[in-house]
PDB file of all heavy atoms in Angstrom:
ATOM      1  N   ILE A   1       5.269 -74.084 -76.764  1.00  0.00           N
ATOM      2  CA  ILE A   1       6.532 -73.794 -77.426  1.00  0.00           C
ATOM      3  C   ILE A   1       7.543 -73.569 -76.315  1.00  0.00           C
ATOM      4  O   ILE A   1       7.301 -72.798 -75.383  1.00  0.00           O
ATOM      5  CB  ILE A   1       6.419 -72.530 -78.304  1.00  0.00           C
ATOM      6  CG1 ILE A   1       5.432 -72.730 -79.433  1.00  0.00           C
ATOM      7  CG2 ILE A   1       7.777 -72.130 -78.854  1.00  0.00           C
ATOM      8  CD1 ILE A   1       5.788 -73.819 -80.390  1.00  0.00           C
ATOM      9  N   VAL A   2       8.687 -74.241 -76.410  1.00  0.00           N
ATOM     10  CA  VAL A   2       9.765 -74.051 -75.446  1.00  0.00           C
ATOM     11  C   VAL A   2      10.905 -73.331 -76.159  1.00  0.00           C
ATOM     12  O   VAL A   2      11.399 -73.811 -77.180  1.00  0.00           O
ATOM     13  CB  VAL A   2      10.256 -75.400 -74.872  1.00  0.00           C
ATOM     14  CG1 VAL A   2      11.369 -75.171 -73.869  1.00  0.00           C
ATOM     15  CG2 VAL A   2       9.101 -76.173 -74.243  1.00  0.00           C
ATOM     16  N   VAL A   3      11.294 -72.171 -75.623  1.00  0.00           N
ATOM     17  CA  VAL A   3      12.371 -71.376 -76.199  1.00  0.00           C
ATOM     18  C   VAL A   3      13.480 -71.265 -75.157  1.00  0.00           C
ATOM     19  O   VAL A   3      13.239 -70.866 -74.017  1.00  0.00           O
ATOM     20  CB  VAL A   3      11.880 -69.963 -76.593  1.00  0.00           C
ATOM     21  CG1 VAL A   3      13.030 -69.111 -77.077  1.00  0.00           C
ATOM     22  CG2 VAL A   3      10.796 -70.055 -77.654  1.00  0.00           C
ATOM     23  N   ASN A   4      14.689 -71.629 -75.559  1.00  0.00           N
ATOM     24  CA  ASN A   4      15.851 -71.546 -74.686  1.00  0.00           C
ATOM     25  C   ASN A   4      16.548 -70.215 -74.942  1.00  0.00           C
ATOM     26  O   ASN A   4      17.329 -70.080 -75.874  1.00  0.00           O
ATOM     27  CB  ASN A   4      16.794 -72.726 -74.953  1.00  0.00           C
ATOM     28  CG  ASN A   4      17.995 -72.734 -74.058  1.00  0.00           C
ATOM     29  OD1 ASN A   4      18.260 -71.787 -73.331  1.00  0.00           O
ATOM     30  ND2 ASN A   4      18.742 -73.819 -74.108  1.00  0.00           N
ATOM     31  N   ASP A   5      16.267 -69.229 -74.096  1.00  0.00           N
ATOM     32  CA  ASP A   5      16.863 -67.904 -74.276  1.00  0.00           C
ATOM     33  C   ASP A   5      18.289 -67.847 -73.736  1.00  0.00           C
ATOM     34  O   ASP A   5      18.979 -66.859 -73.909  1.00  0.00           O
ATOM     35  CB  ASP A   5      16.014 -66.834 -73.609  1.00  0.00           C
ATOM     36  CG  ASP A   5      16.412 -65.433 -74.041  1.00  0.00           C
ATOM     37  OD1 ASP A   5      16.625 -65.227 -75.247  1.00  0.00           O
ATOM     38  OD2 ASP A   5      16.520 -64.549 -73.176  1.00  0.00           O
ATOM     39  N   ILE A   6      18.755 -68.898 -73.097  1.00  0.00           N
ATOM     40  CA  ILE A   6      20.136 -68.956 -72.632  1.00  0.00           C
ATOM     41  C   ILE A   6      21.071 -69.045 -73.835  1.00  0.00           C
ATOM     42  O   ILE A   6      22.165 -68.502 -73.827  1.00  0.00           O
ATOM     43  CB  ILE A   6      20.343 -70.146 -71.674  1.00  0.00           C
ATOM     44  CG1 ILE A   6      19.510 -69.922 -70.406  1.00  0.00           C
ATOM     45  CG2 ILE A   6      21.806 -70.352 -71.335  1.00  0.00           C
ATOM     46  CD1 ILE A   6      19.433 -71.110 -69.491  1.00  0.00           C
ATOM     47  N   GLU A   7      20.619 -69.715 -74.887  1.00  0.00           N
ATOM     48  CA  GLU A   7      21.427 -69.881 -76.092  1.00  0.00           C
ATOM     49  C   GLU A   7      21.212 -68.774 -77.119  1.00  0.00           C
ATOM     50  O   GLU A   7      21.834 -68.766 -78.162  1.00  0.00           O
ATOM     51  CB  GLU A   7      21.131 -71.239 -76.729  1.00  0.00           C
ATOM     52  CG  GLU A   7      21.518 -72.407 -75.850  1.00  0.00           C
ATOM     53  CD  GLU A   7      21.130 -73.745 -76.452  1.00  0.00           C
ATOM     54  OE1 GLU A   7      20.484 -73.767 -77.510  1.00  0.00           O
ATOM     55  OE2 GLU A   7      21.478 -74.761 -75.842  1.00  0.00           O
ATOM     56  N   SER A   8      20.303 -67.880 -76.852  1.00  0.00           N
ATOM     57  CA  SER A   8      20.045 -66.766 -77.765  1.00  0.00           C
ATOM     58  C   SER A   8      19.790 -65.521 -76.920  1.00  0.00           C
ATOM     59  O   SER A   8      19.896 -65.561 -75.706  1.00  0.00           O
ATOM     60  CB  SER A   8      18.838 -67.074 -78.658  1.00  0.00           C
ATOM     61  OG  SER A   8      17.679 -67.198 -77.863  1.00  0.00           O
ATOM     62  N   ASP A   9      19.443 -64.463 -77.553  1.00  0.00           N
ATOM     63  CA  ASP A   9      19.157 -63.219 -76.839  1.00  0.00           C
ATOM     64  C   ASP A   9      17.922 -62.582 -77.463  1.00  0.00           C
ATOM     65  O   ASP A   9      18.014 -61.562 -78.129  1.00  0.00           O
ATOM     66  CB  ASP A   9      20.361 -62.276 -76.897  1.00  0.00           C
ATOM     67  CG  ASP A   9      20.194 -61.083 -75.973  1.00  0.00           C
ATOM     68  OD1 ASP A   9      19.448 -61.198 -74.981  1.00  0.00           O
ATOM     69  OD2 ASP A   9      20.807 -60.039 -76.250  1.00  0.00           O
ATOM     70  N   LEU A  10      16.781 -63.213 -77.239  1.00  0.00           N
ATOM     71  CA  LEU A  10      15.539 -62.734 -77.841  1.00  0.00           C
ATOM     72  C   LEU A  10      14.918 -61.623 -77.024  1.00  0.00           C
ATOM     73  O   LEU A  10      14.991 -61.629 -75.796  1.00  0.00           O
ATOM     74  CB  LEU A  10      14.535 -63.889 -77.938  1.00  0.00           C
ATOM     75  CG  LEU A  10      14.901 -65.042 -78.843  1.00  0.00           C
ATOM     76  CD1 LEU A  10      13.873 -66.144 -78.712  1.00  0.00           C
ATOM     77  CD2 LEU A  10      14.971 -64.563 -80.275  1.00  0.00           C
ATOM     78  N   LYS A  11      14.315 -60.718 -77.685  1.00  0.00           N
ATOM     79  CA  LYS A  11      13.549 -59.656 -77.046  1.00  0.00           C
ATOM     80  C   LYS A  11      12.100 -59.838 -77.490  1.00  0.00           C
ATOM     81  O   LYS A  11      11.680 -59.292 -78.506  1.00  0.00           O
ATOM     82  CB  LYS A  11      14.066 -58.276 -77.451  1.00  0.00           C
ATOM     83  CG  LYS A  11      15.529 -58.055 -77.170  1.00  0.00           C
ATOM     84  CD  LYS A  11      15.824 -58.009 -75.684  1.00  0.00           C
ATOM     85  CE  LYS A  11      17.272 -57.678 -75.447  1.00  0.00           C
ATOM     86  NZ  LYS A  11      17.909 -58.559 -74.483  1.00  0.00           N
ATOM     87  N   LEU A  12      11.360 -60.658 -76.759  1.00  0.00           N
ATOM     88  CA  LEU A  12       9.977 -60.937 -77.124  1.00  0.00           C
ATOM     89  C   LEU A  12       9.038 -60.019 -76.359  1.00  0.00           C
ATOM     90  O   LEU A  12       9.018 -60.012 -75.136  1.00  0.00           O
ATOM     91  CB  LEU A  12       9.628 -62.400 -76.824  1.00  0.00           C
ATOM     92  CG  LEU A  12      10.329 -63.440 -77.677  1.00  0.00           C
ATOM     93  CD1 LEU A  12       9.923 -64.841 -77.248  1.00  0.00           C
ATOM     94  CD2 LEU A  12      10.015 -63.240 -79.145  1.00  0.00           C
ATOM     95  N   THR A  13       8.257 -59.247 -77.088  1.00  0.00           N
ATOM     96  CA  THR A  13       7.243 -58.396 -76.488  1.00  0.00           C
ATOM     97  C   THR A  13       5.920 -59.163 -76.451  1.00  0.00           C
ATOM     98  O   THR A  13       5.775 -60.216 -77.079  1.00  0.00           O
ATOM     99  CB  THR A  13       7.056 -57.118 -77.320  1.00  0.00           C
ATOM    100  OG1 THR A  13       6.573 -57.495 -78.619  1.00  0.00           O
ATOM    101  CG2 THR A  13       8.354 -56.338 -77.455  1.00  0.00           C
ATOM    102  N   ASN A  14       4.955 -58.620 -75.738  1.00  0.00           N
ATOM    103  CA  ASN A  14       3.618 -59.241 -75.695  1.00  0.00           C
ATOM    104  C   ASN A  14       3.032 -59.354 -77.096  1.00  0.00           C
ATOM    105  O   ASN A  14       2.408 -60.354 -77.444  1.00  0.00           O
ATOM    106  CB  ASN A  14       2.682 -58.428 -74.802  1.00  0.00           C
ATOM    107  CG  ASN A  14       3.081 -58.482 -73.344  1.00  0.00           C
ATOM    108  OD1 ASN A  14       4.128 -59.020 -72.988  1.00  0.00           O
ATOM    109  ND2 ASN A  14       2.264 -57.912 -72.496  1.00  0.00           N
ATOM    110  N   LYS A  15       3.253 -58.323 -77.908  1.00  0.00           N
ATOM    111  CA  LYS A  15       2.727 -58.314 -79.276  1.00  0.00           C
ATOM    112  C   LYS A  15       3.372 -59.421 -80.122  1.00  0.00           C
ATOM    113  O   LYS A  15       2.691 -60.108 -80.871  1.00  0.00           O
ATOM    114  CB  LYS A  15       2.970 -56.943 -79.910  1.00  0.00           C
ATOM    115  CG  LYS A  15       2.326 -56.758 -81.248  1.00  0.00           C
ATOM    116  CD  LYS A  15       2.519 -55.330 -81.745  1.00  0.00           C
ATOM    117  CE  LYS A  15       1.878 -55.157 -83.105  1.00  0.00           C
ATOM    118  NZ  LYS A  15       2.014 -53.783 -83.601  1.00  0.00           N
ATOM    119  N   LYS A  16       4.698 -59.602 -79.998  1.00  0.00           N
ATOM    120  CA  LYS A  16       5.390 -60.655 -80.748  1.00  0.00           C
ATOM    121  C   LYS A  16       4.935 -62.037 -80.304  1.00  0.00           C
ATOM    122  O   LYS A  16       4.728 -62.926 -81.124  1.00  0.00           O
ATOM    123  CB  LYS A  16       6.898 -60.528 -80.574  1.00  0.00           C
ATOM    124  CG  LYS A  16       7.513 -59.368 -81.318  1.00  0.00           C
ATOM    125  CD  LYS A  16       9.010 -59.311 -81.084  1.00  0.00           C
ATOM    126  CE  LYS A  16       9.617 -58.078 -81.714  1.00  0.00           C
ATOM    127  NZ  LYS A  16      11.056 -57.974 -81.432  1.00  0.00           N
ATOM    128  N   ILE A  17       4.770 -62.227 -78.991  1.00  0.00           N
ATOM    129  CA  ILE A  17       4.309 -63.519 -78.479  1.00  0.00           C
ATOM    130  C   ILE A  17       2.913 -63.811 -79.002  1.00  0.00           C
ATOM    131  O   ILE A  17       2.623 -64.926 -79.443  1.00  0.00           O
ATOM    132  CB  ILE A  17       4.354 -63.541 -76.942  1.00  0.00           C
ATOM    133  CG1 ILE A  17       5.806 -63.487 -76.455  1.00  0.00           C
ATOM    134  CG2 ILE A  17       3.661 -64.786 -76.395  1.00  0.00           C
ATOM    135  CD1 ILE A  17       5.961 -63.258 -74.965  1.00  0.00           C
ATOM    136  N   SER A  18       2.040 -62.823 -78.972  1.00  0.00           N
ATOM    137  CA  SER A  18       0.677 -62.993 -79.467  1.00  0.00           C
ATOM    138  C   SER A  18       0.666 -63.360 -80.955  1.00  0.00           C
ATOM    139  O   SER A  18      -0.098 -64.224 -81.395  1.00  0.00           O
ATOM    140  CB  SER A  18      -0.112 -61.701 -79.226  1.00  0.00           C
ATOM    141  OG  SER A  18      -1.414 -61.815 -79.717  1.00  0.00           O
ATOM    142  N   PHE A  19       1.532 -62.719 -81.747  1.00  0.00           N
ATOM    143  CA  PHE A  19       1.622 -63.040 -83.168  1.00  0.00           C
ATOM    144  C   PHE A  19       2.114 -64.464 -83.376  1.00  0.00           C
ATOM    145  O   PHE A  19       1.570 -65.204 -84.194  1.00  0.00           O
ATOM    146  CB  PHE A  19       2.546 -62.060 -83.888  1.00  0.00           C
ATOM    147  CG  PHE A  19       2.701 -62.363 -85.351  1.00  0.00           C
ATOM    148  CD1 PHE A  19       1.721 -61.984 -86.254  1.00  0.00           C
ATOM    149  CD2 PHE A  19       3.796 -63.056 -85.825  1.00  0.00           C
ATOM    150  CE1 PHE A  19       1.838 -62.283 -87.607  1.00  0.00           C
ATOM    151  CE2 PHE A  19       3.931 -63.361 -87.173  1.00  0.00           C
ATOM    152  CZ  PHE A  19       2.950 -62.970 -88.063  1.00  0.00           C
ATOM    153  N   LEU A  20       3.156 -64.868 -82.645  1.00  0.00           N
ATOM    154  CA  LEU A  20       3.682 -66.230 -82.765  1.00  0.00           C
ATOM    155  C   LEU A  20       2.638 -67.272 -82.370  1.00  0.00           C
ATOM    156  O   LEU A  20       2.599 -68.362 -82.924  1.00  0.00           O
ATOM    157  CB  LEU A  20       4.932 -66.398 -81.900  1.00  0.00           C
ATOM    158  CG  LEU A  20       6.173 -65.643 -82.343  1.00  0.00           C
ATOM    159  CD1 LEU A  20       7.244 -65.730 -81.269  1.00  0.00           C
ATOM    160  CD2 LEU A  20       6.690 -66.199 -83.665  1.00  0.00           C
ATOM    161  N   ALA A  21       1.789 -66.943 -81.419  1.00  0.00           N
ATOM    162  CA  ALA A  21       0.773 -67.881 -80.941  1.00  0.00           C
ATOM    163  C   ALA A  21      -0.380 -68.068 -81.931  1.00  0.00           C
ATOM    164  O   ALA A  21      -1.105 -69.070 -81.859  1.00  0.00           O
ATOM    165  CB  ALA A  21       0.214 -67.411 -79.603  1.00  0.00           C
ATOM    166  N   HIS A  22      -0.542 -67.132 -82.860  1.00  0.00           N
ATOM    167  CA  HIS A  22      -1.657 -67.185 -83.810  1.00  0.00           C
ATOM    168  C   HIS A  22      -1.563 -68.447 -84.669  1.00  0.00           C
ATOM    169  O   HIS A  22      -0.525 -68.769 -85.220  1.00  0.00           O
ATOM    170  CB  HIS A  22      -1.635 -65.935 -84.703  1.00  0.00           C
ATOM    171  CG  HIS A  22      -2.911 -65.709 -85.414  1.00  0.00           C
ATOM    172  ND1 HIS A  22      -3.271 -66.408 -86.548  1.00  0.00           N
ATOM    173  CD2 HIS A  22      -3.929 -64.886 -85.145  1.00  0.00           C
ATOM    174  CE1 HIS A  22      -4.448 -66.014 -86.959  1.00  0.00           C
ATOM    175  NE2 HIS A  22      -4.880 -65.083 -86.117  1.00  0.00           N
ATOM    176  N   ARG A  23      -2.652 -69.166 -84.767  1.00  0.00           N
ATOM    177  CA  ARG A  23      -2.663 -70.465 -85.446  1.00  0.00           C
ATOM    178  C   ARG A  23      -2.572 -70.350 -86.969  1.00  0.00           C
ATOM    179  O   ARG A  23      -2.155 -71.287 -87.636  1.00  0.00           O
ATOM    180  CB  ARG A  23      -3.905 -71.243 -85.056  1.00  0.00           C
ATOM    181  CG  ARG A  23      -3.986 -71.435 -83.559  1.00  0.00           C
ATOM    182  CD  ARG A  23      -4.135 -72.871 -83.205  1.00  0.00           C
ATOM    183  NE  ARG A  23      -4.168 -72.992 -81.757  1.00  0.00           N
ATOM    184  CZ  ARG A  23      -3.246 -73.609 -81.053  1.00  0.00           C
ATOM    185  NH1 ARG A  23      -2.234 -74.169 -81.656  1.00  0.00           N
ATOM    186  NH2 ARG A  23      -3.330 -73.699 -79.752  1.00  0.00           N
ATOM    187  N   ASN A  24      -2.957 -69.214 -87.542  1.00  0.00           N
ATOM    188  CA  ASN A  24      -2.902 -69.052 -89.002  1.00  0.00           C
ATOM    189  C   ASN A  24      -1.669 -68.316 -89.494  1.00  0.00           C
ATOM    190  O   ASN A  24      -1.227 -68.541 -90.608  1.00  0.00           O
ATOM    191  CB  ASN A  24      -4.149 -68.313 -89.496  1.00  0.00           C
ATOM    192  CG  ASN A  24      -5.400 -69.125 -89.293  1.00  0.00           C
ATOM    193  OD1 ASN A  24      -5.381 -70.339 -89.403  1.00  0.00           O
ATOM    194  ND2 ASN A  24      -6.500 -68.468 -88.953  1.00  0.00           N
ATOM    195  N   PHE A  25      -1.132 -67.430 -88.676  1.00  0.00           N
ATOM    196  CA  PHE A  25      -0.030 -66.580 -89.134  1.00  0.00           C
ATOM    197  C   PHE A  25       1.285 -66.849 -88.402  1.00  0.00           C
ATOM    198  O   PHE A  25       2.337 -66.443 -88.865  1.00  0.00           O
ATOM    199  CB  PHE A  25      -0.398 -65.101 -88.985  1.00  0.00           C
ATOM    200  CG  PHE A  25      -1.640 -64.733 -89.731  1.00  0.00           C
ATOM    201  CD1 PHE A  25      -2.791 -64.385 -89.059  1.00  0.00           C
ATOM    202  CD2 PHE A  25      -1.664 -64.756 -91.115  1.00  0.00           C
ATOM    203  CE1 PHE A  25      -3.946 -64.054 -89.740  1.00  0.00           C
ATOM    204  CE2 PHE A  25      -2.806 -64.418 -91.811  1.00  0.00           C
ATOM    205  CZ  PHE A  25      -3.960 -64.068 -91.121  1.00  0.00           C
ATOM    206  N   GLY A  26       1.228 -67.492 -87.256  1.00  0.00           N
ATOM    207  CA  GLY A  26       2.426 -67.758 -86.467  1.00  0.00           C
ATOM    208  C   GLY A  26       2.667 -69.253 -86.329  1.00  0.00           C
ATOM    209  O   GLY A  26       2.218 -70.057 -87.148  1.00  0.00           O
ATOM    210  N   ILE A  27       3.345 -69.610 -85.258  1.00  0.00           N
ATOM    211  CA  ILE A  27       3.637 -71.016 -84.967  1.00  0.00           C
ATOM    212  C   ILE A  27       2.382 -71.721 -84.472  1.00  0.00           C
ATOM    213  O   ILE A  27       2.111 -72.860 -84.821  1.00  0.00           O
ATOM    214  CB  ILE A  27       4.748 -71.110 -83.894  1.00  0.00           C
ATOM    215  CG1 ILE A  27       6.020 -70.430 -84.382  1.00  0.00           C
ATOM    216  CG2 ILE A  27       5.020 -72.553 -83.526  1.00  0.00           C
ATOM    217  CD1 ILE A  27       7.025 -70.164 -83.277  1.00  0.00           C
ATOM    218  N   GLY A  28       1.629 -71.043 -83.638  1.00  0.00           N
ATOM    219  CA  GLY A  28       0.414 -71.591 -83.049  1.00  0.00           C
ATOM    220  C   GLY A  28       0.724 -72.354 -81.774  1.00  0.00           C
ATOM    221  O   GLY A  28       1.376 -73.385 -81.813  1.00  0.00           O
ATOM    222  N   PHE A  29       0.283 -71.803 -80.633  1.00  0.00           N
ATOM    223  CA  PHE A  29       0.472 -72.478 -79.350  1.00  0.00           C
ATOM    224  C   PHE A  29      -0.453 -71.883 -78.301  1.00  0.00           C
ATOM    225  O   PHE A  29      -1.005 -70.804 -78.483  1.00  0.00           O
ATOM    226  CB  PHE A  29       1.925 -72.399 -78.888  1.00  0.00           C
ATOM    227  CG  PHE A  29       2.488 -71.009 -78.751  1.00  0.00           C
ATOM    228  CD1 PHE A  29       2.269 -70.256 -77.609  1.00  0.00           C
ATOM    229  CD2 PHE A  29       3.251 -70.462 -79.758  1.00  0.00           C
ATOM    230  CE1 PHE A  29       2.793 -68.982 -77.481  1.00  0.00           C
ATOM    231  CE2 PHE A  29       3.793 -69.199 -79.643  1.00  0.00           C
ATOM    232  CZ  PHE A  29       3.559 -68.448 -78.491  1.00  0.00           C
ATOM    233  N   ASP A  30      -0.609 -72.631 -77.213  1.00  0.00           N
ATOM    234  CA  ASP A  30      -1.401 -72.159 -76.080  1.00  0.00           C
ATOM    235  C   ASP A  30      -0.537 -71.422 -75.061  1.00  0.00           C
ATOM    236  O   ASP A  30      -0.978 -70.452 -74.462  1.00  0.00           O
ATOM    237  CB  ASP A  30      -2.111 -73.331 -75.392  1.00  0.00           C
ATOM    238  CG  ASP A  30      -3.101 -74.008 -76.320  1.00  0.00           C
ATOM    239  OD1 ASP A  30      -3.960 -73.305 -76.876  1.00  0.00           O
ATOM    240  OD2 ASP A  30      -3.006 -75.230 -76.506  1.00  0.00           O
ATOM    241  N   GLN A  31       0.685 -71.910 -74.861  1.00  0.00           N
ATOM    242  CA  GLN A  31       1.600 -71.249 -73.941  1.00  0.00           C
ATOM    243  C   GLN A  31       3.028 -71.324 -74.451  1.00  0.00           C
ATOM    244  O   GLN A  31       3.416 -72.289 -75.101  1.00  0.00           O
ATOM    245  CB  GLN A  31       1.547 -71.864 -72.548  1.00  0.00           C
ATOM    246  CG  GLN A  31       0.412 -71.343 -71.703  1.00  0.00           C
ATOM    247  CD  GLN A  31       0.621 -71.671 -70.238  1.00  0.00           C
ATOM    248  OE1 GLN A  31       1.110 -72.739 -69.895  1.00  0.00           O
ATOM    249  NE2 GLN A  31       0.230 -70.751 -69.373  1.00  0.00           N
ATOM    250  N   LEU A  32       3.782 -70.278 -74.128  1.00  0.00           N
ATOM    251  CA  LEU A  32       5.205 -70.211 -74.418  1.00  0.00           C
ATOM    252  C   LEU A  32       5.949 -70.435 -73.109  1.00  0.00           C
ATOM    253  O   LEU A  32       5.658 -69.788 -72.103  1.00  0.00           O
ATOM    254  CB  LEU A  32       5.561 -68.837 -74.983  1.00  0.00           C
ATOM    255  CG  LEU A  32       7.039 -68.487 -75.085  1.00  0.00           C
ATOM    256  CD1 LEU A  32       7.711 -69.328 -76.160  1.00  0.00           C
ATOM    257  CD2 LEU A  32       7.215 -67.013 -75.383  1.00  0.00           C
ATOM    258  N   ILE A  33       6.891 -71.357 -73.116  1.00  0.00           N
ATOM    259  CA  ILE A  33       7.743 -71.614 -71.959  1.00  0.00           C
ATOM    260  C   ILE A  33       9.113 -71.062 -72.322  1.00  0.00           C
ATOM    261  O   ILE A  33       9.736 -71.512 -73.276  1.00  0.00           O
ATOM    262  CB  ILE A  33       7.809 -73.112 -71.630  1.00  0.00           C
ATOM    263  CG1 ILE A  33       6.393 -73.642 -71.379  1.00  0.00           C
ATOM    264  CG2 ILE A  33       8.720 -73.370 -70.443  1.00  0.00           C
ATOM    265  CD1 ILE A  33       6.318 -75.154 -71.250  1.00  0.00           C
ATOM    266  N   PHE A  34       9.558 -70.081 -71.560  1.00  0.00           N
ATOM    267  CA  PHE A  34      10.756 -69.309 -71.881  1.00  0.00           C
ATOM    268  C   PHE A  34      11.817 -69.596 -70.827  1.00  0.00           C
ATOM    269  O   PHE A  34      11.649 -69.261 -69.650  1.00  0.00           O
ATOM    270  CB  PHE A  34      10.366 -67.830 -71.892  1.00  0.00           C
ATOM    271  CG  PHE A  34      11.267 -66.930 -72.661  1.00  0.00           C
ATOM    272  CD1 PHE A  34      11.434 -67.080 -74.024  1.00  0.00           C
ATOM    273  CD2 PHE A  34      11.935 -65.897 -72.030  1.00  0.00           C
ATOM    274  CE1 PHE A  34      12.256 -66.224 -74.746  1.00  0.00           C
ATOM    275  CE2 PHE A  34      12.754 -65.028 -72.729  1.00  0.00           C
ATOM    276  CZ  PHE A  34      12.911 -65.197 -74.094  1.00  0.00           C
ATOM    277  N   LEU A  35      12.914 -70.231 -71.231  1.00  0.00           N
ATOM    278  CA  LEU A  35      14.008 -70.540 -70.318  1.00  0.00           C
ATOM    279  C   LEU A  35      15.037 -69.419 -70.389  1.00  0.00           C
ATOM    280  O   LEU A  35      15.510 -69.076 -71.467  1.00  0.00           O
ATOM    281  CB  LEU A  35      14.665 -71.862 -70.695  1.00  0.00           C
ATOM    282  CG  LEU A  35      13.727 -73.067 -70.806  1.00  0.00           C
ATOM    283  CD1 LEU A  35      14.512 -74.290 -71.250  1.00  0.00           C
ATOM    284  CD2 LEU A  35      13.028 -73.326 -69.502  1.00  0.00           C
ATOM    285  N   THR A  36      15.385 -68.846 -69.245  1.00  0.00           N
ATOM    286  CA  THR A  36      16.314 -67.721 -69.185  1.00  0.00           C
ATOM    287  C   THR A  36      17.454 -68.019 -68.216  1.00  0.00           C
ATOM    288  O   THR A  36      17.430 -69.011 -67.495  1.00  0.00           O
ATOM    289  CB  THR A  36      15.602 -66.432 -68.732  1.00  0.00           C
ATOM    290  OG1 THR A  36      15.097 -66.618 -67.411  1.00  0.00           O
ATOM    291  CG2 THR A  36      14.474 -66.073 -69.669  1.00  0.00           C
TER     292      THR A  36
END
C-alpha cells in the first residue's frame, strides 16, 4: 500500500497499521510505503 502523506496529515500508529494490514478486516498488505 502506498500512502502519500504529503497530501494528507495521517497519524498512523503501529496498531492502526497492523489493523489495515489484516486481510479479513483491513485493506490487506505485506508492507506500507509511506511518503512524507
